[in-house]
Protein backbone atom coordinates (compact mmCIF):
# COMPACT_ATOMS: atom_id res chain seq x y z
CA MET A 1 4.50 4.96 -14.50
CA VAL A 2 4.23 5.57 -10.82
CA ARG A 3 2.04 3.16 -8.83
CA ILE A 4 0.75 3.72 -5.33
CA ARG A 5 1.16 0.94 -2.72
CA ILE A 6 -1.84 0.50 -0.40
CA CYS A 7 -1.84 -1.44 2.93
CA PRO A 8 -4.00 -4.52 2.52
CA LYS A 9 -5.26 -4.34 6.18
CA CYS A 10 -6.16 -0.65 6.54
CA LYS A 11 -6.31 0.43 2.96
CA ASN A 12 -4.14 3.53 3.52
CA SER A 13 -1.13 4.55 1.50
CA THR A 14 1.20 4.47 4.48
CA LEU A 15 3.50 1.59 3.42
CA LYS A 16 7.36 1.71 3.68
CA THR A 17 10.07 -0.83 3.33
CA ALA A 18 10.51 -2.49 6.68
CA VAL A 19 14.06 -3.99 6.31
CA ASN A 20 17.02 -2.59 4.52
CA VAL A 21 17.98 -5.88 2.77
CA SER A 22 14.44 -6.67 1.52
CA GLY A 23 14.53 -7.84 -2.01
CA TRP A 24 18.10 -8.92 -1.95
CA LEU A 25 18.14 -12.27 -0.09
CA THR A 26 14.74 -12.02 1.34
CA PRO A 27 11.28 -11.05 -0.02
CA ASN A 28 10.27 -7.51 0.16
CA ILE A 29 8.75 -6.75 3.62
CA PHE A 30 6.54 -3.71 4.05
CA GLU A 31 5.39 -1.91 7.18
CA CYS A 32 2.37 0.24 7.45
CA THR A 33 3.01 3.35 9.52
CA SER A 34 -0.65 4.03 10.33
CA ASP A 35 -1.05 4.28 14.18
CA SER A 36 -4.01 1.92 14.31
CA CYS A 37 -2.81 -0.68 11.80
CA ASN A 38 0.86 -1.70 12.28
CA TYR A 39 0.79 -4.25 9.40
CA ILE A 40 4.16 -6.00 8.58
CA GLY A 41 4.27 -8.32 5.60
CA PRO A 42 5.20 -9.01 1.96
CA LEU A 43 1.71 -8.22 0.44
CA PHE A 44 0.36 -4.93 -0.65
CA ILE A 45 -2.24 -3.49 -3.17
CA GLU A 46 -0.72 -1.47 -6.06
CA ILE A 47 -2.98 0.91 -7.96
CA ASP A 48 -2.73 3.69 -10.53
CA PRO A 49 -2.57 7.25 -9.00
CA LYS A 50 -5.73 8.13 -11.13
CA ASP A 51 -7.67 5.52 -9.26
CA PHE A 52 -6.57 6.79 -5.84
CA LYS A 53 -8.88 9.12 -3.96
CA VAL A 54 -6.62 11.54 -1.93
CA ASP A 55 -9.17 13.13 0.25
CA ASN A 56 -9.76 10.09 2.38
CA ASN A 57 -6.65 7.96 1.55
CA SER A 58 -8.60 5.09 0.01
CA TYR A 59 -8.86 3.57 -3.44
CA GLU A 60 -12.01 3.42 -5.49
CA ASP A 61 -13.25 0.28 -7.13
CA ASP A 62 -13.42 0.58 -10.92
CA LYS A 63 -16.92 -1.06 -10.87
CA ASN A 64 -18.26 1.88 -8.96
CA ASN A 65 -17.28 4.25 -11.85
CA GLU A 66 -19.16 2.32 -14.42
């Protein structure tokens, strides 16, 4: 199953691996490529594609759907 990685700072799905050796000897480091965010760090939010709202690049809280 494919999961979408969301930036914890700006809540956009613009994360990419920051370092080529991430996960080998060091923890995975991710970089947000959003112009206004520039987050770099090991944390990210991972959600199902069905919970992702594509029109505004944000995720929906499951409690709002109940």
